[in-house]
C-alpha atoms as a PDB file:
ATOM      1  CA  MET A   1       0.000   0.000   0.000  1.00  0.00           C
ATOM      2  CA  LYS A   2       2.867   2.402   0.855  1.00  0.00           C
ATOM      3  CA  GLN A   3       4.395   1.820  -2.556  1.00  0.00           C
ATOM      4  CA  LEU A   4       1.125   2.652  -4.252  1.00  0.00           C
ATOM      5  CA  VAL A   5       0.779   5.900  -2.262  1.00  0.00           C
ATOM      6  CA  SER A   6       4.362   6.863  -3.135  1.00  0.00           C
ATOM      7  CA  PHE A   7       3.697   6.108  -6.780  1.00  0.00           C
ATOM      8  CA  ILE A   8       0.533   8.257  -6.775  1.00  0.00           C
ATOM      9  CA  VAL A   9       2.419  11.148  -5.121  1.00  0.00           C
ATOM     10  CA  VAL A  10       5.124  10.968  -7.791  1.00  0.00           C
ATOM     11  CA  VAL A  11       2.514  10.915 -10.564  1.00  0.00           C
ATOM     12  CA  VAL A  12       0.636  13.905  -9.102  1.00  0.00           C
ATOM     13  CA  VAL A  13       3.815  15.976  -8.621  1.00  0.00           C
ATOM     14  CA  THR A  14       4.977  15.155 -12.143  1.00  0.00           C
ATOM     15  CA  ALA A  15       1.588  16.009 -13.613  1.00  0.00           C
ATOM     16  CA  VAL A  16       1.404  19.349 -11.780  1.00  0.00           C
ATOM     17  CA  THR A  17       4.923  20.203 -12.948  1.00  0.00           C
ATOM     18  CA  TYR A  18       4.270  19.169 -16.540  1.00  0.00           C
ATOM     19  CA  TRP A  19       0.809  20.678 -17.016  1.00  0.00           C
ATOM     20  CA  GLY A  20       0.967  23.520 -14.489  1.00  0.00           C
ATOM     21  CA  VAL A  21       4.384  24.920 -13.663  1.00  0.00           C
ATOM     22  CA  GLU A  22       6.119  24.340 -17.014  1.00  0.00           C
ATOM     23  CA  PRO A  23       3.433  26.010 -19.166  1.00  0.00           C
ATOM     24  CA  LEU A  24       3.293  28.935 -16.713  1.00  0.00           C
ATOM     25  CA  ALA A  25       7.077  29.391 -16.860  1.00  0.00           C
ATOM     26  CA  HIS A  26       6.975  29.064 -20.645  1.00  0.00           C
ATOM     27  CA  SER A  27       4.251  31.704 -20.927  1.00  0.00           C
ATOM     28  CA  VAL A  28       6.349  34.125 -18.840  1.00  0.00           C
ATOM     29  CA  MET A  29       9.571  33.482 -20.738  1.00  0.00           C
ATOM     30  CA  ASN A  30       7.880  33.337 -24.148  1.00  0.00           C
ATOM     31  CA  PRO A  31       4.742  35.498 -24.092  1.00  0.00           C
ATOM     32  CA  HIS A  32       2.144  34.618 -26.667  1.00  0.00           C
ATOM     33  CA  VAL A  33       2.335  36.705 -29.814  1.00  0.00           C
ATOM     34  CA  ALA A  34       0.516  36.590 -33.106  1.00  0.00           C
ATOM     35  CA  PRO A  35       2.053  34.008 -35.477  1.00  0.00           C
ATOM     36  CA  ALA A  36       4.520  35.010 -38.184  1.00  0.00           C
ATOM     37  CA  ASN A  37       2.814  37.132 -40.814  1.00  0.00           C
ATOM     38  CA  PHE A  38       4.469  37.500 -44.214  1.00  0.00           C
ATOM     39  CA  ASN A  39       2.180  40.381 -45.137  1.00  0.00           C
ATOM     40  CA  PHE A  40       4.500  42.922 -43.550  1.00  0.00           C
ATOM     41  CA  ALA A  41       2.137  45.862 -43.992  1.00  0.00           C
ATOM     42  CA  GLU A  42      -0.503  43.983 -42.045  1.00  0.00           C
ATOM     43  CA  GLU A  43       2.072  42.768 -39.523  1.00  0.00           C
ATOM     44  CA  ASP A  44       3.341  46.280 -38.776  1.00  0.00           C
ATOM     45  CA  TYR A  45      -0.150  47.701 -38.488  1.00  0.00           C
ATOM     46  CA  GLU A  46      -1.389  45.011 -36.113  1.00  0.00           C
ATOM     47  CA  GLN A  47       1.694  45.261 -33.922  1.00  0.00           C
ATOM     48  CA  ALA A  48       1.465  49.044 -33.755  1.00  0.00           C
ATOM     49  CA  MET A  49      -2.226  48.833 -32.869  1.00  0.00           C
ATOM     50  CA  ALA A  50      -1.473  46.301 -30.134  1.00  0.00           C
ATOM     51  CA  GLY A  51       1.064  48.745 -28.694  1.00  0.00           C
ATOM     52  CA  LEU A  52      -1.507  51.517 -28.881  1.00  0.00           C
ATOM     53  CA  SER A  53      -4.053  49.398 -27.007  1.00  0.00           C
ATOM     54  CA  ALA A  54      -1.493  48.645 -24.296  1.00  0.00           C
ATOM     55  CA  PHE A  55      -0.815  52.352 -23.803  1.00  0.00           C
ATOM     56  CA  GLN A  56      -4.565  53.052 -23.625  1.00  0.00           C
ATOM     57  CA  VAL A  57      -4.776  50.544 -20.760  1.00  0.00           C
ATOM     58  CA  LYS A  58      -1.995  52.449 -18.977  1.00  0.00           C
ATOM     59  CA  ILE A  59      -3.905  55.707 -19.431  1.00  0.00           C
ATOM     60  CA  ASP A  60      -6.995  54.114 -17.887  1.00  0.00           C
ATOM     61  CA  GLU A  61      -4.986  52.772 -14.961  1.00  0.00           C
ATOM     62  CA  ALA A  62      -3.269  56.113 -14.428  1.00  0.00           C
ATOM     63  CA  THR A  63      -6.615  57.918 -14.558  1.00  0.00           C
ATOM     64  CA  LYS A  64      -8.022  55.604 -11.878  1.00  0.00           C
ATOM     65  CA  SER A  65      -4.987  56.274  -9.683  1.00  0.00           C
ATOM     66  CA  GLY A  66      -5.512  60.020 -10.007  1.00  0.00           C
ATOM     67  CA  GLU A  67      -1.751  60.676 -10.156  1.00  0.00           C
ATOM     68  CA  GLU A  68      -1.137  63.569 -12.536  1.00  0.00           C
ATOM     69  CA  ALA A  69       2.467  62.598 -13.316  1.00  0.00           C
ATOM     70  CA  ALA A  70       1.409  59.053 -14.267  1.00  0.00           C
ATOM     71  CA  ILE A  71      -1.472  60.362 -16.378  1.00  0.00           C
ATOM     72  CA  THR A  72       0.810  62.788 -18.221  1.00  0.00           C
ATOM     73  CA  LYS A  73       3.403  60.089 -18.917  1.00  0.00           C
ATOM     74  CA  ALA A  74       0.769  57.601 -20.096  1.00  0.00           C
ATOM     75  CA  LYS A  75      -0.712  60.145 -22.501  1.00  0.00           C
ATOM     76  CA  LYS A  76       2.722  61.041 -23.830  1.00  0.00           C
ATOM     77  CA  ASP A  77       3.499  57.353 -24.445  1.00  0.00           C
ATOM     78  CA  TYR A  78       0.159  56.951 -26.205  1.00  0.00           C
ATOM     79  CA  GLU A  79       0.892  59.886 -28.504  1.00  0.00           C
ATOM     80  CA  TYR A  80       4.272  58.384 -29.376  1.00  0.00           C
ATOM     81  CA  ALA A  81       2.668  55.005 -30.170  1.00  0.00           C
ATOM     82  CA  ASP A  82      -0.030  56.703 -32.237  1.00  0.00           C
ATOM     83  CA  ALA A  83       2.649  58.502 -34.266  1.00  0.00           C
ATOM     84  CA  ILE A  84       4.235  55.113 -35.045  1.00  0.00           C
ATOM     85  CA  VAL A  85       0.868  53.772 -36.212  1.00  0.00           C
ATOM     86  CA  GLN A  86       0.420  56.738 -38.548  1.00  0.00           C
ATOM     87  CA  GLU A  87       3.970  56.395 -39.895  1.00  0.00           C
ATOM     88  CA  ASN A  88       3.454  52.707 -40.624  1.00  0.00           C
ATOM     89  CA  ILE A  89       0.164  53.331 -42.368  1.00  0.00           C
ATOM     90  CA  ARG A  90       1.685  56.112 -44.486  1.00  0.00           C
ATOM     91  CA  PHE A  91       4.767  54.057 -45.402  1.00  0.00           C
ATOM     92  CA  TRP A  92       2.920  50.929 -46.481  1.00  0.00           C
ATOM     93  CA  ASP A  93       0.315  53.006 -48.346  1.00  0.00           C
ATOM     94  CA  GLU A  94       3.214  54.428 -50.337  1.00  0.00           C
ATOM     95  CA  ILE A  95       4.446  50.923 -51.123  1.00  0.00           C
ATOM     96  CA  LYS A  96       0.933  49.838 -52.076  1.00  0.00           C
ATOM     97  CA  ALA A  97       0.799  52.737 -54.554  1.00  0.00           C
ATOM     98  CA  ILE A  98       3.752  51.305 -56.515  1.00  0.00           C
ATOM     99  CA  ASP A  99       2.455  49.372 -59.531  1.00  0.00           C
ATOM    100  CA  LEU A 100       4.975  46.528 -59.525  1.00  0.00           C
ATOM    101  CA  ALA A 101       3.234  44.835 -62.475  1.00  0.00           C
ATOM    102  CA  LYS A 102       4.488  47.634 -64.757  1.00  0.00           C
ATOM    103  CA  GLY A 103       8.155  47.135 -63.854  1.00  0.00           C
ATOM    104  CA  ASP A 104      10.548  46.889 -66.819  1.00  0.00           C
ATOM    105  CA  ALA A 105      13.546  44.658 -66.115  1.00  0.00           C
ATOM    106  CA  ALA A 106      15.693  46.274 -68.847  1.00  0.00           C
ATOM    107  CA  LYS A 107      15.142  49.717 -67.366  1.00  0.00           C
ATOM    108  CA  GLY A 108      15.781  48.274 -63.918  1.00  0.00           C
ATOM    109  CA  ALA A 109      19.201  47.011 -65.041  1.00  0.00           C
ATOM    110  CA  GLU A 110      20.116  50.552 -66.090  1.00  0.00           C
ATOM    111  CA  LEU A 111      18.765  52.049 -62.870  1.00  0.00           C
ATOM    112  CA  ILE A 112      20.817  49.654 -60.738  1.00  0.00           C
ATOM    113  CA  GLN A 113      23.918  51.218 -62.272  1.00  0.00           C
ATOM    114  CA  MET A 114      22.637  54.795 -62.197  1.00  0.00           C
ATOM    115  CA  ALA A 115      21.550  54.547 -58.572  1.00  0.00           C
ATOM    116  CA  GLY A 116      25.012  53.353 -57.539  1.00  0.00           C
ATOM    117  CA  CYS A 117      23.816  50.056 -56.013  1.00  0.00           C
ATOM    118  CA  THR A 118      26.891  48.238 -57.305  1.00  0.00           C
ATOM    119  CA  GLY A 119      29.133  50.737 -55.553  1.00  0.00           C
ATOM    120  CA  CYS A 120      28.515  48.655 -52.413  1.00  0.00           C
ATOM    121  CA  HIS A 121      26.698  45.488 -53.518  1.00  0.00           C
ATOM    122  CA  GLY A 122      27.929  42.676 -55.714  1.00  0.00           C
ATOM    123  CA  LEU A 123      25.820  41.526 -58.680  1.00  0.00           C
ATOM    124  CA  LYS A 124      27.317  38.218 -59.780  1.00  0.00           C
ATOM    125  CA  ALA A 125      24.367  37.504 -62.052  1.00  0.00           C
ATOM    126  CA  ALA A 126      25.592  40.429 -64.164  1.00  0.00           C
ATOM    127  CA  GLY A 127      29.256  39.528 -63.773  1.00  0.00           C
ATOM    128  CA  MET A 128      30.000  42.065 -61.041  1.00  0.00           C
ATOM    129  CA  GLU A 129      31.685  40.939 -57.838  1.00  0.00           C
ATOM    130  CA  ASN A 130      31.390  42.908 -54.592  1.00  0.00           C
ATOM    131  CA  PRO A 131      33.588  45.995 -55.002  1.00  0.00           C
ATOM    132  CA  ASN A 132      35.311  45.192 -51.695  1.00  0.00           C
ATOM    133  CA  ASP A 133      36.019  41.979 -49.848  1.00  0.00           C
ATOM    134  CA  TYR A 134      33.763  41.456 -46.847  1.00  0.00           C
ATOM    135  CA  LYS A 135      36.283  42.527 -44.207  1.00  0.00           C
ATOM    136  CA  THR A 136      37.149  45.737 -46.034  1.00  0.00           C
ATOM    137  CA  ALA A 137      33.486  46.483 -46.663  1.00  0.00           C
ATOM    138  CA  ALA A 138      32.590  45.814 -43.040  1.00  0.00           C
ATOM    139  CA  SER A 139      35.300  48.207 -41.866  1.00  0.00           C
ATOM    140  CA  GLY A 140      33.621  51.020 -43.716  1.00  0.00           C
ATOM    141  CA  MET A 141      29.976  50.009 -43.389  1.00  0.00           C
ATOM    142  CA  SER A 142      29.890  47.831 -40.254  1.00  0.00           C
ATOM    143  CA  VAL A 143      28.011  44.997 -41.978  1.00  0.00           C
ATOM    144  CA  ALA A 144      29.272  43.768 -45.337  1.00  0.00           C
ATOM    145  CA  PRO A 145      26.809  44.578 -48.151  1.00  0.00           C
ATOM    146  CA  SER A 146      25.392  41.458 -49.770  1.00  0.00           C
ATOM    147  CA  ASP A 147      25.442  40.321 -53.369  1.00  0.00           C
ATOM    148  CA  ILE A 148      21.935  41.172 -54.554  1.00  0.00           C
ATOM    149  CA  SER A 149      21.701  38.622 -57.372  1.00  0.00           C
ATOM    150  CA  ASN A 150      19.482  36.368 -55.286  1.00  0.00           C
ATOM    151  CA  ILE A 151      17.651  38.946 -53.213  1.00  0.00           C
ATOM    152  CA  ALA A 152      14.373  38.493 -55.094  1.00  0.00           C
ATOM    153  CA  TYR A 153      14.465  34.802 -54.198  1.00  0.00           C
ATOM    154  CA  LEU A 154      14.601  35.715 -50.503  1.00  0.00           C
ATOM    155  CA  TYR A 155      12.024  38.530 -50.406  1.00  0.00           C
ATOM    156  CA  ASP A 156       8.624  39.042 -51.953  1.00  0.00           C
ATOM    157  CA  GLU A 157       8.268  41.973 -54.326  1.00  0.00           C
ATOM    158  CA  LYS A 158       6.441  44.269 -51.907  1.00  0.00           C
ATOM    159  CA  PHE A 159       9.049  43.895 -49.195  1.00  0.00           C
ATOM    160  CA  LEU A 160      11.761  44.373 -51.808  1.00  0.00           C
ATOM    161  CA  ALA A 161      10.118  47.636 -52.885  1.00  0.00           C
ATOM    162  CA  ALA A 162       9.873  48.718 -49.253  1.00  0.00           C
ATOM    163  CA  LEU A 163      13.541  47.821 -48.696  1.00  0.00           C
ATOM    164  CA  ILE A 164      14.609  49.957 -51.659  1.00  0.00           C
ATOM    165  CA  LYS A 165      12.410  52.903 -50.718  1.00  0.00           C
ATOM    166  CA  ASP A 166      13.295  53.088 -47.028  1.00  0.00           C
ATOM    167  CA  PRO A 167      15.637  50.348 -45.718  1.00  0.00           C
ATOM    168  CA  ALA A 168      15.587  51.431 -42.067  1.00  0.00           C
ATOM    169  CA  ARG A 169      11.789  51.412 -41.904  1.00  0.00           C
ATOM    170  CA  ALA A 170      11.402  48.160 -43.834  1.00  0.00           C
ATOM    171  CA  LEU A 171      13.920  46.465 -41.534  1.00  0.00           C
ATOM    172  CA  LYS A 172      12.347  48.064 -38.427  1.00  0.00           C
ATOM    173  CA  VAL A 173      15.511  49.653 -37.083  1.00  0.00           C
ATOM    174  CA  THR A 174      14.344  53.277 -36.948  1.00  0.00           C
ATOM    175  CA  HIS A 175      14.619  53.102 -33.152  1.00  0.00           C
ATOM    176  CA  LYS A 176      18.377  52.634 -33.600  1.00  0.00           C
ATOM    177  CA  PHE A 177      19.056  54.919 -36.528  1.00  0.00           C
ATOM    178  CA  GLY A 178      17.928  58.408 -37.423  1.00  0.00           C
ATOM    179  CA  ASP A 179      19.199  61.823 -38.459  1.00  0.00           C
ATOM    180  CA  GLU A 180      22.017  61.815 -35.910  1.00  0.00           C
ATOM    181  CA  ARG A 181      23.064  58.258 -36.712  1.00  0.00           C
ATOM    182  CA  PRO A 182      21.999  57.484 -40.284  1.00  0.00           C
ATOM    183  CA  PHE A 183      21.387  53.899 -41.335  1.00  0.00           C
ATOM    184  CA  GLU A 184      24.239  52.519 -43.442  1.00  0.00           C
ATOM    185  CA  MET A 185      22.061  51.732 -46.446  1.00  0.00           C
ATOM    186  CA  PRO A 186      20.449  54.968 -47.654  1.00  0.00           C
ATOM    187  CA  ALA A 187      16.913  55.275 -48.952  1.00  0.00           C
ATOM    188  CA  PHE A 188      16.464  55.407 -52.725  1.00  0.00           C
ATOM    189  CA  PHE A 189      15.321  58.884 -53.706  1.00  0.00           C
ATOM    190  CA  GLY A 190      15.165  58.206 -57.420  1.00  0.00           C
ATOM    191  CA  ALA A 191      17.379  58.664 -60.458  1.00  0.00           C
ATOM    192  CA  GLY A 192      15.559  61.615 -61.967  1.00  0.00           C
ATOM    193  CA  GLY A 193      12.320  59.989 -63.089  1.00  0.00           C
ATOM    194  CA  ASN A 194       9.131  58.917 -61.366  1.00  0.00           C
ATOM    195  CA  LEU A 195      10.230  57.336 -58.073  1.00  0.00           C
ATOM    196  CA  ASN A 196       7.536  54.662 -57.924  1.00  0.00           C
ATOM    197  CA  GLU A 197       8.120  53.628 -61.534  1.00  0.00           C
ATOM    198  CA  GLU A 198      11.872  53.401 -60.958  1.00  0.00           C
ATOM    199  CA  ILE A 199      11.399  51.206 -57.891  1.00  0.00           C
ATOM    200  CA  ALA A 200       9.084  48.952 -59.926  1.00  0.00           C
ATOM    201  CA  HIS A 201      11.742  48.672 -62.671  1.00  0.00           C
ATOM    202  CA  ILE A 202      14.484  47.758 -60.173  1.00  0.00           C
ATOM    203  CA  VAL A 203      12.267  45.129 -58.535  1.00  0.00           C
ATOM    204  CA  ALA A 204      11.435  43.682 -61.973  1.00  0.00           C
ATOM    205  CA  TYR A 205      15.134  43.434 -62.808  1.00  0.00           C
ATOM    206  CA  LEU A 206      16.036  41.772 -59.504  1.00  0.00           C
ATOM    207  CA  LYS A 207      13.216  39.273 -60.029  1.00  0.00           C
ATOM    208  CA  SER A 208      14.470  38.525 -63.543  1.00  0.00           C
ATOM    209  CA  ILE A 209      17.954  37.536 -62.344  1.00  0.00           C
ATOM    210  CA  ALA A 210      16.956  35.685 -59.165  1.00  0.00           C
ATOM    211  CA  PRO A 211      17.726  31.938 -59.091  1.00  0.00           C
ATOM    212  CA  LYS A 212      14.803  29.529 -59.281  1.00  0.00           C
ATOM    213  CA  GLU A 213      16.203  27.376 -56.499  1.00  0.00           C
ATOM    214  CA  MET A 214      18.602  27.778 -53.587  1.00  0.00           C
ATOM    215  CA  SER A 215      19.746  25.214 -51.033  1.00  0.00           C
ATOM    216  CA  ASN A 216      18.840  25.726 -47.379  1.00  0.00           C
ATOM    217  CA  LYS A 217      22.458  26.536 -46.594  1.00  0.00           C
ATOM    218  CA  GLU A 218      22.677  29.103 -49.387  1.00  0.00           C
ATOM    219  CA  VAL A 219      19.566  30.833 -48.086  1.00  0.00           C
ATOM    220  CA  PHE A 220      21.006  30.914 -44.562  1.00  0.00           C
ATOM    221  CA  GLU A 221      24.316  32.299 -45.790  1.00  0.00           C
ATOM    222  CA  SER A 222      22.573  35.029 -47.763  1.00  0.00           C
ATOM    223  CA  ALA A 223      20.036  35.956 -45.079  1.00  0.00           C
ATOM    224  CA  CYS A 224      21.887  35.425 -41.794  1.00  0.00           C
ATOM    225  CA  ALA A 225      25.630  34.887 -42.219  1.00  0.00           C
ATOM    226  CA  ARG A 226      26.624  38.496 -42.662  1.00  0.00           C
ATOM    227  CA  CYS A 227      26.258  38.758 -38.869  1.00  0.00           C
ATOM    228  CA  HIS A 228      25.811  35.247 -37.458  1.00  0.00           C
ATOM    229  CA  ASP A 229      28.094  32.204 -37.372  1.00  0.00           C
ATOM    230  CA  MET A 230      27.022  28.615 -37.825  1.00  0.00           C
ATOM    231  CA  LYS A 231      30.255  27.128 -36.538  1.00  0.00           C
ATOM    232  CA  TYR A 232      29.044  23.527 -36.505  1.00  0.00           C
ATOM    233  CA  ASP A 233      28.864  23.734 -40.304  1.00  0.00           C
ATOM    234  CA  ASN A 234      31.955  25.942 -40.725  1.00  0.00           C
ATOM    235  CA  VAL A 235      29.902  28.986 -41.674  1.00  0.00           C
ATOM    236  CA  PHE A 236      31.312  32.214 -40.269  1.00  0.00           C
ATOM    237  CA  ALA A 237      29.970  35.740 -40.370  1.00  0.00           C
ATOM    238  CA  ALA A 238      31.259  37.802 -43.245  1.00  0.00           C
ATOM    239  CA  GLY A 239      33.184  40.814 -42.096  1.00  0.00           C
ATOM    240  CA  ASN A 240      34.575  41.930 -38.774  1.00  0.00           C
ATOM    241  CA  LYS A 241      32.871  40.866 -35.529  1.00  0.00           C
ATOM    242  CA  GLN A 242      34.053  43.956 -33.660  1.00  0.00           C
ATOM    243  CA  GLU A 243      32.589  46.182 -36.351  1.00  0.00           C
ATOM    244  CA  ILE A 244      29.317  44.279 -36.237  1.00  0.00           C
ATOM    245  CA  LYS A 245      29.234  44.571 -32.434  1.00  0.00           C
ATOM    246  CA  ALA A 246      29.850  48.310 -32.624  1.00  0.00           C
ATOM    247  CA  TYR A 247      27.076  48.556 -35.203  1.00  0.00           C
ATOM    248  CA  LEU A 248      24.471  46.481 -33.382  1.00  0.00           C
ATOM    249  CA  GLY A 249      25.598  47.048 -29.808  1.00  0.00           C
ATOM    250  CA  ILE A 250      25.976  43.324 -29.224  1.00  0.00           C
ATOM    251  CA  THR A 251      27.876  40.463 -30.804  1.00  0.00           C
ATOM    252  CA  PRO A 252      25.416  38.360 -32.822  1.00  0.00           C
ATOM    253  CA  PRO A 253      25.426  34.817 -31.409  1.00  0.00           C
ATOM    254  CA  ASP A 254      26.533  31.646 -33.112  1.00  0.00           C
ATOM    255  CA  LEU A 255      23.331  29.915 -34.224  1.00  0.00           C
ATOM    256  CA  SER A 256      24.637  26.332 -34.299  1.00  0.00           C
ATOM    257  CA  MET A 257      22.564  25.185 -31.323  1.00  0.00           C
ATOM    258  CA  TYR A 258      19.752  27.734 -31.330  1.00  0.00           C
ATOM    259  CA  ILE A 259      17.322  25.154 -32.588  1.00  0.00           C
ATOM    260  CA  ARG A 260      17.801  23.310 -29.272  1.00  0.00           C
ATOM    261  CA  SER A 261      17.191  26.329 -27.033  1.00  0.00           C
ATOM    262  CA  ARG A 262      14.292  27.866 -28.975  1.00  0.00           C
ATOM    263  CA  SER A 263      11.137  26.290 -30.311  1.00  0.00           C
ATOM    264  CA  ILE A 264      10.414  26.174 -34.034  1.00  0.00           C
ATOM    265  CA  GLU A 265       7.520  28.585 -33.465  1.00  0.00           C
ATOM    266  CA  TYR A 266       9.773  31.024 -31.607  1.00  0.00           C
ATOM    267  CA  LEU A 267      12.342  30.992 -34.395  1.00  0.00           C
ATOM    268  CA  HIS A 268       9.712  31.641 -37.054  1.00  0.00           C
ATOM    269  CA  ASN A 269       8.223  34.541 -35.089  1.00  0.00           C
ATOM    270  CA  PHE A 270      11.628  36.011 -34.257  1.00  0.00           C
ATOM    271  CA  ILE A 271      12.981  35.851 -37.810  1.00  0.00           C
ATOM    272  CA  ASN A 272       9.709  37.266 -39.118  1.00  0.00           C
ATOM    273  CA  ASP A 273       9.713  40.189 -36.687  1.00  0.00           C
ATOM    274  CA  PRO A 274      12.358  40.396 -33.917  1.00  0.00           C
ATOM    275  CA  GLN A 275      10.687  43.467 -32.379  1.00  0.00           C
ATOM    276  CA  LYS A 276       7.576  41.442 -31.639  1.00  0.00           C
ATOM    277  CA  MET A 277       9.557  38.937 -29.605  1.00  0.00           C
ATOM    278  CA  LEU A 278      12.230  41.225 -28.143  1.00  0.00           C
ATOM    279  CA  ASN A 279      11.113  44.839 -28.248  1.00  0.00           C
ATOM    280  CA  GLY A 280      14.014  47.237 -28.800  1.00  0.00           C
ATOM    281  CA  THR A 281      16.448  44.622 -30.079  1.00  0.00           C
ATOM    282  CA  SER A 282      19.106  45.725 -32.564  1.00  0.00           C
ATOM    283  CA  MET A 283      18.410  42.792 -34.847  1.00  0.00           C
ATOM    284  CA  PRO A 284      16.673  43.986 -37.994  1.00  0.00           C
ATOM    285  CA  ARG A 285      13.635  42.265 -39.446  1.00  0.00           C
ATOM    286  CA  VAL A 286      15.016  39.698 -41.882  1.00  0.00           C
ATOM    287  CA  GLY A 287      12.019  40.114 -44.185  1.00  0.00           C
ATOM    288  CA  LEU A 288      12.214  36.664 -45.761  1.00  0.00           C
ATOM    289  CA  ASN A 289       9.277  35.276 -47.663  1.00  0.00           C
ATOM    290  CA  GLU A 290       7.681  32.160 -46.194  1.00  0.00           C
ATOM    291  CA  GLN A 291       9.601  29.680 -48.336  1.00  0.00           C
ATOM    292  CA  ALA A 292      12.990  31.236 -47.589  1.00  0.00           C
ATOM    293  CA  GLN A 293      12.224  31.436 -43.869  1.00  0.00           C
ATOM    294  CA  ASN A 294      11.240  27.755 -43.815  1.00  0.00           C
ATOM    295  CA  GLN A 295      14.559  26.968 -45.478  1.00  0.00           C
ATOM    296  CA  VAL A 296      16.513  28.913 -42.840  1.00  0.00           C
ATOM    297  CA  VAL A 297      14.786  27.074 -39.994  1.00  0.00           C
ATOM    298  CA  ALA A 298      15.242  23.727 -41.781  1.00  0.00           C
ATOM    299  CA  TYR A 299      18.951  24.441 -42.159  1.00  0.00           C
ATOM    300  CA  MET A 300      19.279  25.372 -38.469  1.00  0.00           C
ATOM    301  CA  GLN A 301      17.589  22.100 -37.581  1.00  0.00           C
ATOM    302  CA  SER A 302      19.801  20.060 -39.901  1.00  0.00           C
ATOM    303  CA  VAL A 303      22.931  21.497 -38.262  1.00  0.00           C
ATOM    304  CA  GLY A 304      21.894  21.788 -34.621  1.00  0.00           C
ATOM    305  CA  ASP A 305      19.431  18.954 -34.201  1.00  0.00           C
ATOM    306  CA  SER A 306      19.874  16.509 -37.049  1.00  0.00           C
ATOM    307  CA  LYS A 307      19.020  13.526 -34.776  1.00  0.00           C
ATOM    308  CA  LYS A 308      15.712  14.943 -33.517  1.00  0.00           C
ATOM    309  CA  GLU A 309      13.439  12.295 -35.058  1.00  0.00           C
ATOM    310  CA  GLU A 310      15.764   9.494 -33.983  1.00  0.00           C
ATOM    311  CA  ARG A 311      16.023  10.920 -30.451  1.00  0.00           C
ATOM    312  CA  GLU A 312      12.273  11.320 -30.059  1.00  0.00           C
ATOM    313  CA  SER A 313      11.540   7.813 -31.297  1.00  0.00           C
ATOM    314  CA  LEU A 314      14.249   6.414 -29.008  1.00  0.00           C
ATOM    315  CA  GLY A 315      12.671   8.239 -26.063  1.00  0.00           C
ATOM    316  CA  LEU A 316       9.516   6.113 -26.337  1.00  0.00           C
ATOM    317  CA  TRP A 317      11.575   2.914 -26.252  1.00  0.00           C
ATOM    318  CA  ILE A 318      13.473   4.122 -23.172  1.00  0.00           C
ATOM    319  CA  MET A 319      10.222   4.978 -21.377  1.00  0.00           C
ATOM    320  CA  GLY A 320       8.940   1.501 -22.205  1.00  0.00           C
ATOM    321  CA  TYR A 321      12.162  -0.035 -20.931  1.00  0.00           C
ATOM    322  CA  PHE A 322      11.900   1.733 -17.557  1.00  0.00           C
ATOM    323  CA  LEU A 323       8.211   0.840 -17.273  1.00  0.00           C
ATOM    324  CA  ILE A 324       8.942  -2.885 -17.723  1.00  0.00           C
ATOM    325  CA  LEU A 325      11.979  -2.621 -15.431  1.00  0.00           C
ATOM    326  CA  GLY A 326       9.845  -0.932 -12.750  1.00  0.00           C
ATOM    327  CA  ILE A 327       7.234  -3.704 -12.908  1.00  0.00           C
ATOM    328  CA  LEU A 328       9.903  -6.404 -12.617  1.00  0.00           C
ATOM    329  CA  VAL A 329      11.518  -4.627  -9.641  1.00  0.00           C
ATOM    330  CA  ILE A 330       8.173  -4.408  -7.824  1.00  0.00           C
ATOM    331  CA  LEU A 331       7.482  -8.097  -8.456  1.00  0.00           C
ATOM    332  CA  TRP A 332      10.949  -9.076  -7.288  1.00  0.00           C
ATOM    333  CA  LYS A 333      10.684  -6.894  -4.154  1.00  0.00           C
ATOM    334  CA  ASN A 334       7.293  -8.375  -3.235  1.00  0.00           C
ATOM    335  CA  LYS A 335       8.691 -11.876  -3.618  1.00  0.00           C
ATOM    336  CA  VAL A 336      11.686 -11.165  -1.352  1.00  0.00           C
ATOM    337  CA  TRP A 337       9.677  -9.440   1.367  1.00  0.00           C
ATOM    338  CA  ARG A 338       6.976 -12.102   1.274  1.00  0.00           C
ATOM    339  CA  ASN A 339       9.564 -14.721   2.343  1.00  0.00           C
ATOM    340  CA  LEU A 340      10.949 -12.458   5.099  1.00  0.00           C
ATOM    341  CA  HIS A 341       7.509 -11.958   6.678  1.00  0.00           C
END
């Protein structure tokens, strides 16, 4: 009877820990957020509105408290959040106004040269290597500019247009960069013609030269390896780590084992919008389309947790082994004690 009571106590404690404490701790460490949204206009609007709602709650709480200082601060925070909402709406309305269907790839090829894109970026598809090696480029621009031959494989056309028009806003790093500290990649102000038409032409050209397929590793290297290492697969960040740290304020971590310390859902949400998961972080929004993001996560899993399926299937066999062993031990113990009594 004592053994049965002990067994029940163990089961109850385990159940409370598994279904009560662990989910509570998880919810505190990883607050629920809306799932990854690849419609970035919609994503930015919804996040800004959520922030606005949170500040409205603070105004209500401050009003109930009757403290003038708290009320004033809450209203000021609300006004700041409202300004962000209006900026996001205005920016994405501008992107929506660009008729990407009328882009002319031939004109885009000329504009790429006229706009000076290849002064920093490589364009291997057109036979142009990066003008500087990564370390030299990083010394001048903190993060080495990428080769843009495959950029239209990684991003959808609307995000690409947003990235050309205003990189800091598209990447959601305006909280880190501004007039006093300009973002390294400048906005495109046009080459003398209609700005929206020129952006459409450049996007059309980038789409025309983009590869049809890329391996998971190639996508990771293009999207993540200008800052992050993947040491377990001998992938190292392009450029100078000290320069990157000075640029971002923190050394980007090696991602070899991140798949073990973060859930798949967390990684998708974080890559899709780091600010949603870690407000104020220096990491820019990666902006990948859904297919490219899936490839990045798949690559991280192949490097950091390649034995996951084997490990999980083995776990069931081990649990079965200990269950049978436990039954045999109980039977053996009862037999021994029966003779002693």
